[in-house]
């Protein structure tokens, strides 16, 4: 399922906030992304309509299985790419920023190749 970058960013943010705060509300997303409350409200309505999130009566947001799968995929890409760039000598701030851009536009084929290369490299390092 192909989603656009903004959807992926929102879902990834909800996933990360859920790890840190356990319960996520729209205001947490406003604070994290520094977007306006109306923008987040519209985005959450769209995510709910698409079946990516659920919002309970108290305003707590949870990812559906579909939303969680997308969020975890993007988060894995983000972490692997940013760690890889740091290893290559890129400073943390730049690597995190670049990974955030790269995670959305990279094909699954290219990401899998990079992931396999890194895993093989780690395996070689630990064997020595």
N, C-alpha and C. Protein backbone atom coordinates (compact mmCIF):
# COMPACT_ATOMS: atom_id res chain seq x y z
N UNK A 1 0.84 -1.18 0.00
CA UNK A 1 0.00 0.00 0.00
C UNK A 1 0.88 1.24 0.00
N UNK A 2 0.73 2.09 -1.00
CA UNK A 2 1.53 3.30 -1.11
C UNK A 2 0.81 4.44 -0.39
N UNK A 3 1.54 5.11 0.49
CA UNK A 3 1.00 6.25 1.21
C UNK A 3 1.89 7.45 0.93
N UNK A 4 1.34 8.65 1.18
CA UNK A 4 2.17 9.82 0.93
C UNK A 4 3.02 10.15 2.15
N UNK A 5 3.99 11.02 1.94
CA UNK A 5 4.98 11.33 2.96
C UNK A 5 4.35 11.90 4.23
N UNK A 6 3.36 12.76 4.09
CA UNK A 6 2.75 13.36 5.30
C UNK A 6 2.04 12.31 6.13
N UNK A 7 1.35 11.39 5.49
CA UNK A 7 0.69 10.29 6.22
C UNK A 7 1.74 9.48 6.97
N UNK A 8 2.81 9.14 6.29
CA UNK A 8 3.88 8.36 6.92
C UNK A 8 4.49 9.10 8.10
N UNK A 9 4.70 10.40 7.96
CA UNK A 9 5.26 11.20 9.07
C UNK A 9 4.34 11.22 10.28
N UNK A 10 3.06 11.41 10.04
CA UNK A 10 2.10 11.41 11.16
C UNK A 10 2.07 10.06 11.86
N UNK A 11 2.01 8.99 11.08
CA UNK A 11 1.95 7.66 11.67
C UNK A 11 3.22 7.33 12.44
N UNK A 12 4.36 7.69 11.88
CA UNK A 12 5.63 7.46 12.57
C UNK A 12 5.68 8.27 13.87
N UNK A 13 5.21 9.49 13.84
CA UNK A 13 5.19 10.34 15.04
C UNK A 13 4.31 9.73 16.11
N UNK A 14 3.14 9.24 15.73
CA UNK A 14 2.24 8.60 16.69
C UNK A 14 2.91 7.38 17.30
N UNK A 15 3.59 6.58 16.48
CA UNK A 15 4.29 5.40 16.97
C UNK A 15 5.35 5.79 18.00
N UNK A 16 6.17 6.77 17.66
CA UNK A 16 7.25 7.19 18.56
C UNK A 16 6.69 7.77 19.85
N UNK A 17 5.70 8.64 19.75
CA UNK A 17 5.10 9.22 20.95
C UNK A 17 4.46 8.14 21.81
N UNK A 18 3.87 7.15 21.17
CA UNK A 18 3.27 6.03 21.90
C UNK A 18 4.29 5.26 22.71
N UNK A 19 5.50 5.14 22.15
CA UNK A 19 6.58 4.47 22.89
C UNK A 19 6.99 5.29 24.10
N UNK A 20 7.03 6.60 23.92
CA UNK A 20 7.50 7.49 24.99
C UNK A 20 6.41 7.82 26.02
N UNK A 21 5.23 8.14 25.55
CA UNK A 21 4.15 8.61 26.43
C UNK A 21 3.09 7.55 26.73
N UNK A 22 3.09 6.51 25.96
CA UNK A 22 2.08 5.45 26.03
C UNK A 22 0.73 5.90 25.48
N UNK A 23 0.19 7.02 25.97
CA UNK A 23 -1.09 7.52 25.45
C UNK A 23 -0.83 8.79 24.65
N UNK A 24 -1.35 8.84 23.43
CA UNK A 24 -1.08 9.95 22.53
C UNK A 24 -2.39 10.70 22.26
N UNK A 25 -2.29 12.02 22.34
CA UNK A 25 -3.41 12.89 21.98
C UNK A 25 -2.94 13.84 20.89
N UNK A 26 -3.88 14.50 20.26
CA UNK A 26 -3.55 15.44 19.18
C UNK A 26 -2.57 16.51 19.62
N UNK A 27 -2.72 16.99 20.84
CA UNK A 27 -1.83 18.05 21.33
C UNK A 27 -0.38 17.57 21.40
N UNK A 28 -0.18 16.29 21.66
CA UNK A 28 1.18 15.74 21.67
C UNK A 28 1.80 15.83 20.28
N UNK A 29 0.99 15.58 19.27
CA UNK A 29 1.46 15.65 17.88
C UNK A 29 1.72 17.10 17.50
N UNK A 30 0.84 18.01 17.93
CA UNK A 30 1.05 19.45 17.71
C UNK A 30 2.40 19.86 18.27
N UNK A 31 2.66 19.48 19.51
CA UNK A 31 3.91 19.85 20.17
C UNK A 31 5.13 19.21 19.52
N UNK A 32 5.01 17.97 19.11
CA UNK A 32 6.14 17.27 18.51
C UNK A 32 6.50 17.82 17.13
N UNK A 33 5.48 18.05 16.31
CA UNK A 33 5.73 18.47 14.93
C UNK A 33 5.71 19.98 14.74
N UNK A 34 5.25 20.69 15.77
CA UNK A 34 5.15 22.15 15.71
C UNK A 34 4.24 22.61 14.57
N UNK A 35 3.12 21.91 14.41
CA UNK A 35 2.09 22.30 13.46
C UNK A 35 0.94 22.91 14.24
N UNK A 36 0.03 23.57 13.54
CA UNK A 36 -1.11 24.18 14.22
C UNK A 36 -2.12 23.11 14.64
N UNK A 37 -2.91 23.44 15.66
CA UNK A 37 -3.95 22.52 16.12
C UNK A 37 -4.95 22.19 15.02
N UNK A 38 -5.42 23.20 14.24
CA UNK A 38 -6.36 22.87 13.16
C UNK A 38 -5.76 21.93 12.11
N UNK A 39 -4.47 22.10 11.78
CA UNK A 39 -3.83 21.22 10.80
C UNK A 39 -3.79 19.78 11.30
N UNK A 40 -3.44 19.61 12.57
CA UNK A 40 -3.38 18.27 13.15
C UNK A 40 -4.77 17.67 13.24
N UNK A 41 -5.75 18.48 13.59
CA UNK A 41 -7.14 17.99 13.68
C UNK A 41 -7.61 17.45 12.33
N UNK A 42 -7.34 18.18 11.27
CA UNK A 42 -7.71 17.73 9.92
C UNK A 42 -6.96 16.46 9.55
N UNK A 43 -5.66 16.44 9.85
CA UNK A 43 -4.85 15.26 9.53
C UNK A 43 -5.36 14.02 10.28
N UNK A 44 -5.69 14.17 11.56
CA UNK A 44 -6.17 13.03 12.34
C UNK A 44 -7.50 12.53 11.80
N UNK A 45 -8.36 13.46 11.38
CA UNK A 45 -9.64 13.06 10.79
C UNK A 45 -9.39 12.24 9.52
N UNK A 46 -8.45 12.70 8.70
CA UNK A 46 -8.13 11.98 7.46
C UNK A 46 -7.53 10.60 7.75
N UNK A 47 -6.64 10.54 8.74
CA UNK A 47 -6.04 9.25 9.10
C UNK A 47 -7.08 8.28 9.63
N UNK A 48 -8.03 8.81 10.40
CA UNK A 48 -9.11 7.96 10.93
C UNK A 48 -10.00 7.47 9.79
N UNK A 49 -10.33 8.35 8.87
CA UNK A 49 -11.18 7.99 7.73
C UNK A 49 -10.52 6.91 6.87
N UNK A 50 -9.19 6.98 6.74
CA UNK A 50 -8.46 6.00 5.94
C UNK A 50 -8.22 4.69 6.69
N UNK A 51 -8.57 4.66 7.97
CA UNK A 51 -8.43 3.43 8.74
C UNK A 51 -7.05 3.22 9.33
N UNK A 52 -6.25 4.28 9.46
CA UNK A 52 -4.90 4.16 10.00
C UNK A 52 -4.84 4.37 11.51
N UNK A 53 -5.81 5.09 12.06
CA UNK A 53 -5.83 5.36 13.49
C UNK A 53 -7.25 5.20 14.03
N UNK A 54 -7.32 5.08 15.36
CA UNK A 54 -8.58 5.13 16.09
C UNK A 54 -8.44 6.21 17.14
N UNK A 55 -9.52 6.93 17.39
CA UNK A 55 -9.53 7.95 18.43
C UNK A 55 -10.68 7.62 19.37
N UNK A 56 -10.36 7.44 20.66
CA UNK A 56 -11.42 7.08 21.61
C UNK A 56 -12.16 8.32 22.10
N UNK A 57 -13.14 8.12 22.94
CA UNK A 57 -13.98 9.21 23.43
C UNK A 57 -13.21 10.25 24.23
N UNK A 58 -12.06 9.86 24.78
CA UNK A 58 -11.24 10.81 25.56
C UNK A 58 -10.18 11.49 24.69
N UNK A 59 -10.17 11.18 23.41
CA UNK A 59 -9.23 11.82 22.49
C UNK A 59 -7.89 11.11 22.35
N UNK A 60 -7.78 9.91 22.91
CA UNK A 60 -6.53 9.17 22.79
C UNK A 60 -6.46 8.48 21.43
N UNK A 61 -5.29 8.58 20.82
CA UNK A 61 -5.08 8.08 19.46
C UNK A 61 -4.27 6.79 19.52
N UNK A 62 -4.75 5.78 18.81
CA UNK A 62 -3.99 4.53 18.67
C UNK A 62 -3.93 4.18 17.19
N UNK A 63 -2.87 3.50 16.84
CA UNK A 63 -2.69 3.04 15.46
C UNK A 63 -3.50 1.76 15.24
N UNK A 64 -4.12 1.65 14.09
CA UNK A 64 -4.74 0.38 13.70
C UNK A 64 -3.61 -0.53 13.24
N UNK A 65 -3.91 -1.77 12.96
CA UNK A 65 -2.87 -2.69 12.47
C UNK A 65 -2.25 -2.16 11.18
N UNK A 66 -3.06 -1.63 10.29
CA UNK A 66 -2.55 -1.07 9.03
C UNK A 66 -1.66 0.14 9.31
N UNK A 67 -2.13 1.04 10.17
CA UNK A 67 -1.34 2.22 10.51
C UNK A 67 -0.04 1.86 11.20
N UNK A 68 -0.11 0.88 12.08
CA UNK A 68 1.10 0.45 12.80
C UNK A 68 2.12 -0.16 11.85
N UNK A 69 1.66 -0.93 10.89
CA UNK A 69 2.56 -1.55 9.93
C UNK A 69 3.30 -0.49 9.12
N UNK A 70 2.58 0.53 8.66
CA UNK A 70 3.20 1.62 7.90
C UNK A 70 4.20 2.36 8.79
N UNK A 71 3.77 2.70 10.01
CA UNK A 71 4.63 3.45 10.94
C UNK A 71 5.90 2.68 11.26
N UNK A 72 5.78 1.40 11.51
CA UNK A 72 6.96 0.59 11.85
C UNK A 72 7.92 0.47 10.68
N UNK A 73 7.38 0.38 9.47
CA UNK A 73 8.21 0.32 8.27
C UNK A 73 9.01 1.61 8.11
N UNK A 74 8.35 2.75 8.27
CA UNK A 74 9.02 4.04 8.14
C UNK A 74 10.04 4.23 9.26
N UNK A 75 9.66 3.85 10.47
CA UNK A 75 10.57 4.00 11.61
C UNK A 75 11.82 3.13 11.43
N UNK A 76 11.65 1.91 10.94
CA UNK A 76 12.81 1.05 10.69
C UNK A 76 13.73 1.69 9.66
N UNK A 77 13.14 2.21 8.60
CA UNK A 77 13.94 2.88 7.57
C UNK A 77 14.70 4.06 8.17
N UNK A 78 13.99 4.86 8.95
CA UNK A 78 14.58 6.06 9.55
C UNK A 78 15.78 5.69 10.42
N UNK A 79 15.60 4.71 11.29
CA UNK A 79 16.66 4.32 12.21
C UNK A 79 17.86 3.74 11.47
N UNK A 80 17.61 2.85 10.54
CA UNK A 80 18.70 2.21 9.82
C UNK A 80 19.48 3.23 8.98
N UNK A 81 18.77 4.08 8.26
CA UNK A 81 19.45 5.06 7.41
C UNK A 81 20.21 6.08 8.24
N UNK A 82 19.61 6.59 9.31
CA UNK A 82 20.31 7.59 10.12
C UNK A 82 21.54 6.98 10.80
N UNK A 83 21.41 5.76 11.33
CA UNK A 83 22.57 5.09 11.94
C UNK A 83 23.68 4.84 10.93
N UNK A 84 23.28 4.47 9.73
CA UNK A 84 24.25 4.21 8.67
C UNK A 84 24.99 5.49 8.31
N UNK A 85 24.27 6.59 8.17
CA UNK A 85 24.90 7.87 7.84
C UNK A 85 25.85 8.33 8.96
N UNK A 86 25.45 8.12 10.20
CA UNK A 86 26.32 8.46 11.33
C UNK A 86 27.60 7.63 11.26
N UNK A 87 27.45 6.34 10.99
CA UNK A 87 28.62 5.47 10.86
C UNK A 87 29.56 5.97 9.75
N UNK A 88 28.97 6.49 8.68
CA UNK A 88 29.77 6.99 7.56
C UNK A 88 30.44 8.34 7.86
N UNK A 89 30.13 8.91 9.03
CA UNK A 89 30.78 10.15 9.43
C UNK A 89 29.93 11.39 9.37
N UNK A 90 28.67 11.24 9.04
CA UNK A 90 27.76 12.39 8.99
C UNK A 90 27.34 12.71 10.43
N UNK A 91 27.28 14.00 10.77
CA UNK A 91 26.87 14.38 12.12
C UNK A 91 25.42 13.97 12.36
N UNK A 92 25.08 13.78 13.64
CA UNK A 92 23.76 13.26 14.02
C UNK A 92 22.62 14.12 13.47
N UNK A 93 22.70 15.42 13.64
CA UNK A 93 21.61 16.31 13.20
C UNK A 93 21.34 16.17 11.70
N UNK A 94 22.41 16.18 10.92
CA UNK A 94 22.27 16.05 9.46
C UNK A 94 21.77 14.66 9.08
N UNK A 95 22.30 13.63 9.73
CA UNK A 95 21.90 12.27 9.39
C UNK A 95 20.42 12.02 9.69
N UNK A 96 19.94 12.53 10.80
CA UNK A 96 18.53 12.36 11.15
C UNK A 96 17.65 13.11 10.15
N UNK A 97 18.05 14.33 9.80
CA UNK A 97 17.30 15.13 8.83
C UNK A 97 17.28 14.46 7.46
N UNK A 98 18.44 14.00 7.00
CA UNK A 98 18.52 13.34 5.69
C UNK A 98 17.75 12.02 5.68
N UNK A 99 17.85 11.26 6.75
CA UNK A 99 17.13 9.99 6.83
C UNK A 99 15.63 10.23 6.73
N UNK A 100 15.15 11.31 7.34
CA UNK A 100 13.73 11.63 7.31
C UNK A 100 13.26 11.87 5.87
N UNK A 101 14.12 12.42 5.04
CA UNK A 101 13.77 12.64 3.64
C UNK A 101 13.89 11.35 2.83
N UNK A 102 14.97 10.63 3.07
CA UNK A 102 15.26 9.43 2.28
C UNK A 102 14.28 8.29 2.56
N UNK A 103 13.81 8.19 3.79
CA UNK A 103 12.95 7.06 4.17
C UNK A 103 11.67 6.99 3.36
N UNK A 104 11.22 8.12 2.83
CA UNK A 104 9.94 8.17 2.12
C UNK A 104 10.05 7.90 0.63
N UNK A 105 11.20 8.22 0.05
CA UNK A 105 11.29 8.13 -1.40
C UNK A 105 12.05 6.91 -1.91
N UNK A 106 12.66 6.17 -1.00
CA UNK A 106 13.46 5.01 -1.39
C UNK A 106 12.55 3.80 -1.67
N UNK A 107 12.86 3.11 -2.75
CA UNK A 107 12.09 1.91 -3.07
C UNK A 107 12.38 0.82 -2.05
N UNK A 108 11.47 -0.13 -1.95
CA UNK A 108 11.68 -1.27 -1.06
C UNK A 108 12.90 -2.07 -1.50
N UNK A 109 13.10 -2.15 -2.79
CA UNK A 109 14.25 -2.90 -3.34
C UNK A 109 15.56 -2.27 -2.88
N UNK A 110 15.69 -0.95 -3.00
CA UNK A 110 16.91 -0.27 -2.58
C UNK A 110 17.11 -0.36 -1.07
N UNK A 111 16.03 -0.17 -0.32
CA UNK A 111 16.15 -0.26 1.14
C UNK A 111 16.58 -1.66 1.56
N UNK A 112 15.99 -2.67 0.95
CA UNK A 112 16.36 -4.05 1.29
C UNK A 112 17.83 -4.33 0.99
N UNK A 113 18.32 -3.77 -0.12
CA UNK A 113 19.73 -3.97 -0.48
C UNK A 113 20.65 -3.31 0.54
N UNK A 114 20.31 -2.09 0.96
CA UNK A 114 21.12 -1.40 1.97
C UNK A 114 21.07 -2.16 3.29
N UNK A 115 19.89 -2.58 3.68
CA UNK A 115 19.72 -3.32 4.93
C UNK A 115 20.55 -4.61 4.91
N UNK A 116 20.49 -5.34 3.81
CA UNK A 116 21.24 -6.59 3.67
C UNK A 116 22.75 -6.31 3.74
N UNK A 117 23.19 -5.26 3.08
CA UNK A 117 24.61 -4.89 3.10
C UNK A 117 25.07 -4.59 4.53
N UNK A 118 24.29 -3.82 5.26
CA UNK A 118 24.64 -3.47 6.64
C UNK A 118 24.64 -4.71 7.52
N UNK A 119 23.65 -5.57 7.37
CA UNK A 119 23.60 -6.80 8.17
C UNK A 119 24.79 -7.70 7.87
N UNK A 120 25.16 -7.83 6.60
CA UNK A 120 26.33 -8.64 6.23
C UNK A 120 27.60 -8.03 6.80
N UNK A 121 27.72 -6.72 6.73
CA UNK A 121 28.88 -6.03 7.28
C UNK A 121 28.98 -6.25 8.79
N UNK A 122 27.86 -6.12 9.51
CA UNK A 122 27.85 -6.35 10.96
C UNK A 122 28.25 -7.78 11.28
N UNK A 123 27.74 -8.71 10.49
CA UNK A 123 28.06 -10.13 10.70
C UNK A 123 29.56 -10.36 10.55
N UNK A 124 30.16 -9.73 9.55
CA UNK A 124 31.61 -9.87 9.34
C UNK A 124 32.40 -9.27 10.50
N UNK A 125 31.97 -8.14 10.98
CA UNK A 125 32.66 -7.45 12.10
C UNK A 125 32.63 -8.33 13.35
N UNK A 126 31.47 -8.89 13.63
CA UNK A 126 31.32 -9.67 14.86
C UNK A 126 31.99 -11.04 14.76
N UNK A 127 32.23 -11.53 13.56
CA UNK A 127 32.92 -12.80 13.38
C UNK A 127 34.41 -12.68 13.67
N UNK A 128 34.94 -11.50 13.50
CA UNK A 128 36.40 -11.29 13.67
C UNK A 128 36.79 -11.26 15.10
